[in-house]
């Protein structure tokens, strides 16, 4: 007997399984290589600096915090070390990633920190309650989401009214032709590898955040990277 719902369910499962496989393939490298690769991409594709990004995220972490797409945890570890150096208060952190190998590295890294809870999850379907977090960070990942719209909707859903959502995103390469050419080559390699979905124009990100419901408080362009701080209005 023909069953439309059954067929659609099978198609959904096949899609989800293929997505998981593609993510695992894209992030199948050893975590140390992922981190080294990330630093090179930050320098030559983003044309941004590590210390600028650390400050951007470290200064906007609140009491109940969510780290979206935590990866191997290396960047969050640097952010937390900066906060300790500046004698900023400890916070409760939840985090997740879609890649099992990256998440395993993060779990190992933070195994002795009881204030950090990690799990395997999808940014477009988060396993958290509405209005749960005071702050959310999405560092160097938005341009990697295949479903960016639902991922941003989920960030809005789980953020408390008055909370802050902080992120950054690759924009199309610009500037002197050598740097632009280098960044374009890295981006094409990233798309082929599966670690980059696409870059976004500043106006695209601004429209998306506004349509989801966020109010943009600050935004800054540095090199080929757009950094932003948004909030969820108290109704």
Protein backbone atom coordinates (compact mmCIF):
# COMPACT_ATOMS: atom_id res chain seq x y z
CA UNK A 1 0.00 0.00 0.00
CA UNK A 2 1.27 3.43 -0.92
CA UNK A 3 2.14 5.49 2.16
CA UNK A 4 3.16 9.09 1.53
CA UNK A 5 4.12 9.60 5.19
CA UNK A 6 6.27 6.45 5.25
CA UNK A 7 8.11 7.48 2.09
CA UNK A 8 8.71 10.98 3.44
CA UNK A 9 10.00 9.51 6.70
CA UNK A 10 12.45 7.28 4.80
CA UNK A 11 13.63 10.24 2.73
CA UNK A 12 14.14 12.22 5.93
CA UNK A 13 16.16 9.40 7.50
CA UNK A 14 18.29 9.01 4.37
CA UNK A 15 18.93 12.75 4.33
CA UNK A 16 19.87 12.80 8.02
CA UNK A 17 22.17 9.78 7.63
CA UNK A 18 23.91 11.30 4.59
CA UNK A 19 24.30 14.60 6.45
CA UNK A 20 25.89 12.85 9.42
CA UNK A 21 28.27 11.01 7.10
CA UNK A 22 29.26 14.20 5.29
CA UNK A 23 29.91 15.99 8.58
CA UNK A 24 32.01 13.11 9.87
CA UNK A 25 34.01 13.07 6.64
CA UNK A 26 34.55 16.83 6.72
CA UNK A 27 35.77 16.75 10.32
CA UNK A 28 37.52 13.39 10.24
CA UNK A 29 40.98 14.90 10.78
CA UNK A 30 42.74 14.72 14.13
CA UNK A 31 41.60 17.56 16.43
CA UNK A 32 45.13 19.06 16.54
CA UNK A 33 45.08 19.40 12.74
CA UNK A 34 41.59 20.87 12.85
CA UNK A 35 42.88 23.52 15.29
CA UNK A 36 45.99 24.28 13.24
CA UNK A 37 43.90 24.46 10.09
CA UNK A 38 41.48 26.79 11.84
CA UNK A 39 44.26 29.18 12.80
CA UNK A 40 45.48 29.33 9.20
CA UNK A 41 41.94 29.93 7.93
CA UNK A 42 41.45 32.66 10.53
CA UNK A 43 44.64 34.39 9.42
CA UNK A 44 44.42 34.05 5.65
CA UNK A 45 40.68 33.71 4.91
CA UNK A 46 39.11 35.76 7.71
CA UNK A 47 42.03 38.25 7.81
CA UNK A 48 41.14 38.69 11.48
CA UNK A 49 43.23 38.18 14.62
CA UNK A 50 42.82 35.54 17.29
CA UNK A 51 43.01 38.01 20.18
CA UNK A 52 40.26 40.17 18.66
CA UNK A 53 37.97 37.16 18.39
CA UNK A 54 38.77 35.99 21.91
CA UNK A 55 37.85 39.40 23.35
CA UNK A 56 34.71 39.61 21.22
CA UNK A 57 33.32 36.39 22.69
CA UNK A 58 34.87 36.50 26.19
CA UNK A 59 33.29 39.83 27.09
CA UNK A 60 29.78 38.66 26.22
CA UNK A 61 29.38 35.48 28.24
CA UNK A 62 26.67 35.56 30.91
CA UNK A 63 25.66 33.34 33.82
CA UNK A 64 23.86 30.59 31.85
CA UNK A 65 25.75 30.28 28.56
CA UNK A 66 25.35 28.18 25.41
CA UNK A 67 28.27 27.47 23.07
CA UNK A 68 26.93 26.59 19.61
CA UNK A 69 29.12 24.33 17.44
CA UNK A 70 31.87 24.03 20.04
CA UNK A 71 34.15 21.98 17.78
CA UNK A 72 37.19 20.60 19.61
CA UNK A 73 36.75 23.19 22.36
CA UNK A 74 40.10 24.85 21.70
CA UNK A 75 38.66 28.29 21.03
CA UNK A 76 36.32 28.19 24.03
CA UNK A 77 39.26 27.10 26.19
CA UNK A 78 41.19 30.22 25.11
CA UNK A 79 38.13 32.39 25.78
CA UNK A 80 37.76 30.97 29.30
CA UNK A 81 41.46 31.39 30.03
CA UNK A 82 41.18 35.04 29.01
CA UNK A 83 38.20 35.44 31.33
CA UNK A 84 40.14 33.91 34.23
CA UNK A 85 43.10 36.17 33.48
CA UNK A 86 40.77 39.17 33.63
CA UNK A 87 39.24 37.78 36.86
CA UNK A 88 35.78 37.53 35.30
CA UNK A 89 33.24 35.31 37.07
CA UNK A 90 32.82 31.62 36.35
CA UNK A 91 29.62 30.67 34.48
CA UNK A 92 27.58 27.58 33.74
CA UNK A 93 28.18 26.46 30.15
CA UNK A 94 26.25 24.11 27.88
CA UNK A 95 27.73 23.27 24.51
CA UNK A 96 27.19 21.00 21.55
CA UNK A 97 28.52 19.99 18.17
CA UNK A 98 27.23 17.93 15.25
CA UNK A 99 30.54 16.14 14.71
CA UNK A 100 31.21 13.19 17.00
CA UNK A 101 34.99 13.39 16.60
CA UNK A 102 35.09 17.11 17.43
CA UNK A 103 32.74 16.67 20.37
CA UNK A 104 34.86 13.84 21.77
CA UNK A 105 37.87 16.14 21.71
CA UNK A 106 35.91 18.85 23.55
CA UNK A 107 34.62 16.36 26.14
CA UNK A 108 38.18 15.25 26.82
CA UNK A 109 39.45 18.83 27.03
CA UNK A 110 36.83 19.89 29.59
CA UNK A 111 36.57 16.56 31.44
CA UNK A 112 37.59 18.13 34.78
CA UNK A 113 35.39 21.22 34.54
CA UNK A 114 32.06 20.47 36.23
CA UNK A 115 30.51 23.74 35.05
CA UNK A 116 30.61 22.60 31.40
CA UNK A 117 28.06 20.15 29.96
CA UNK A 118 28.42 18.93 26.38
CA UNK A 119 26.29 16.86 24.03
CA UNK A 120 25.87 15.83 20.41
CA UNK A 121 23.24 18.01 18.72
CA UNK A 122 22.20 19.86 15.58
CA UNK A 123 22.17 23.68 15.51
CA UNK A 124 18.93 23.58 13.52
CA UNK A 125 17.20 21.44 16.17
CA UNK A 126 18.58 22.19 19.62
CA UNK A 127 17.65 19.98 22.61
CA UNK A 128 17.09 22.93 24.95
CA UNK A 129 14.08 24.68 26.47
CA UNK A 130 12.68 27.98 25.29
CA UNK A 131 14.26 31.04 26.95
CA UNK A 132 16.93 28.94 28.69
CA UNK A 133 20.19 30.88 28.25
CA UNK A 134 21.45 34.33 29.23
CA UNK A 135 24.01 34.32 26.42
CA UNK A 136 24.83 32.34 23.29
CA UNK A 137 28.06 32.28 21.29
CA UNK A 138 28.51 30.94 17.78
CA UNK A 139 32.19 31.32 16.91
CA UNK A 140 33.43 30.73 13.36
CA UNK A 141 30.55 28.42 12.45
CA UNK A 142 27.56 30.26 10.97
CA UNK A 143 28.99 30.02 7.45
CA UNK A 144 29.26 26.23 7.94
CA UNK A 145 25.57 25.63 8.68
CA UNK A 146 23.64 24.08 5.78
CA UNK A 147 20.40 25.29 7.40
CA UNK A 148 21.37 28.74 8.62
CA UNK A 149 17.81 30.07 8.91
CA UNK A 150 16.56 27.37 11.29
CA UNK A 151 19.84 27.49 13.20
CA UNK A 152 19.36 31.20 13.88
CA UNK A 153 15.71 30.61 14.79
CA UNK A 154 16.82 28.03 17.33
CA UNK A 155 19.36 30.45 18.82
CA UNK A 156 16.55 32.97 19.21
CA UNK A 157 14.21 30.40 20.75
CA UNK A 158 16.56 29.21 23.49
CA UNK A 159 17.84 32.70 24.38
CA UNK A 160 16.19 34.50 27.29
CA UNK A 161 14.56 37.88 26.61
CA UNK A 162 17.25 40.47 27.32
CA UNK A 163 19.99 37.91 26.64
CA UNK A 164 22.79 38.35 24.09
CA UNK A 165 23.63 36.31 21.01
CA UNK A 166 27.20 36.86 19.81
CA UNK A 167 28.65 35.53 16.59
CA UNK A 168 30.79 36.05 13.54
CA UNK A 169 30.64 35.00 9.91
CA UNK A 170 32.80 34.90 6.81
CA UNK A 171 31.96 37.48 4.16
CA UNK A 172 33.11 37.30 0.52
CA UNK A 173 36.84 38.11 0.26
CA UNK A 174 37.77 41.73 -0.33
CA UNK A 175 40.79 44.03 -0.24
CA UNK A 176 44.14 43.84 -2.05
CA UNK A 177 44.08 41.29 -4.86
CA UNK A 178 46.70 38.95 -3.31
CA UNK A 179 44.77 38.63 -0.05
CA UNK A 180 41.49 38.37 -1.92
CA UNK A 181 42.86 35.63 -4.18
CA UNK A 182 44.28 33.71 -1.21
CA UNK A 183 41.01 33.91 0.71
CA UNK A 184 39.01 32.79 -2.34
CA UNK A 185 41.26 29.76 -2.78
CA UNK A 186 40.89 28.80 0.88
CA UNK A 187 37.11 29.24 0.72
CA UNK A 188 36.83 27.04 -2.37
CA UNK A 189 38.94 24.38 -0.65
CA UNK A 190 36.72 24.65 2.44
CA UNK A 191 33.56 24.18 0.39
CA UNK A 192 35.06 21.16 -1.38
CA UNK A 193 36.16 19.72 1.97
CA UNK A 194 32.73 20.33 3.47
CA UNK A 195 33.78 22.62 6.30
CA UNK A 196 32.36 25.75 4.63
CA UNK A 197 28.82 26.01 3.29
CA UNK A 198 29.20 29.54 1.91
CA UNK A 199 30.19 33.09 2.85
CA UNK A 200 27.53 35.77 3.38
CA UNK A 201 27.23 39.44 2.56
CA UNK A 202 26.91 41.74 5.57
CA UNK A 203 23.40 42.72 4.50
CA UNK A 204 22.34 39.05 4.27
CA UNK A 205 23.32 38.38 7.88
CA UNK A 206 21.74 41.63 9.04
CA UNK A 207 18.43 40.80 7.33
CA UNK A 208 18.47 37.22 8.61
CA UNK A 209 19.06 38.26 12.23
CA UNK A 210 16.35 40.90 12.04
CA UNK A 211 13.83 38.53 10.43
CA UNK A 212 14.44 35.93 13.13
CA UNK A 213 13.74 38.59 15.76
CA UNK A 214 17.15 39.68 17.02
CA UNK A 215 17.99 43.33 17.60
CA UNK A 216 21.52 44.13 16.45
CA UNK A 217 23.47 46.04 19.10
CA UNK A 218 26.90 46.11 17.46
CA UNK A 219 28.51 44.89 14.26
CA UNK A 220 32.06 45.20 13.00
CA UNK A 221 33.82 44.29 9.76
CA UNK A 222 37.45 43.22 10.06
CA UNK A 223 39.10 41.75 7.01
CA UNK A 224 36.70 39.16 5.62
CA UNK A 225 34.84 38.65 8.89
CA UNK A 226 31.65 40.19 10.24
CA UNK A 227 31.33 40.15 14.03
CA UNK A 228 28.06 41.02 15.73
CA UNK A 229 26.32 41.32 19.09
CA UNK A 230 22.54 40.99 19.19
CA UNK A 231 19.84 40.75 21.83
CA UNK A 232 16.38 39.29 22.23
CA UNK A 233 14.02 42.07 23.25
CA UNK A 234 12.09 41.88 26.49
CA UNK A 235 8.43 41.93 25.52
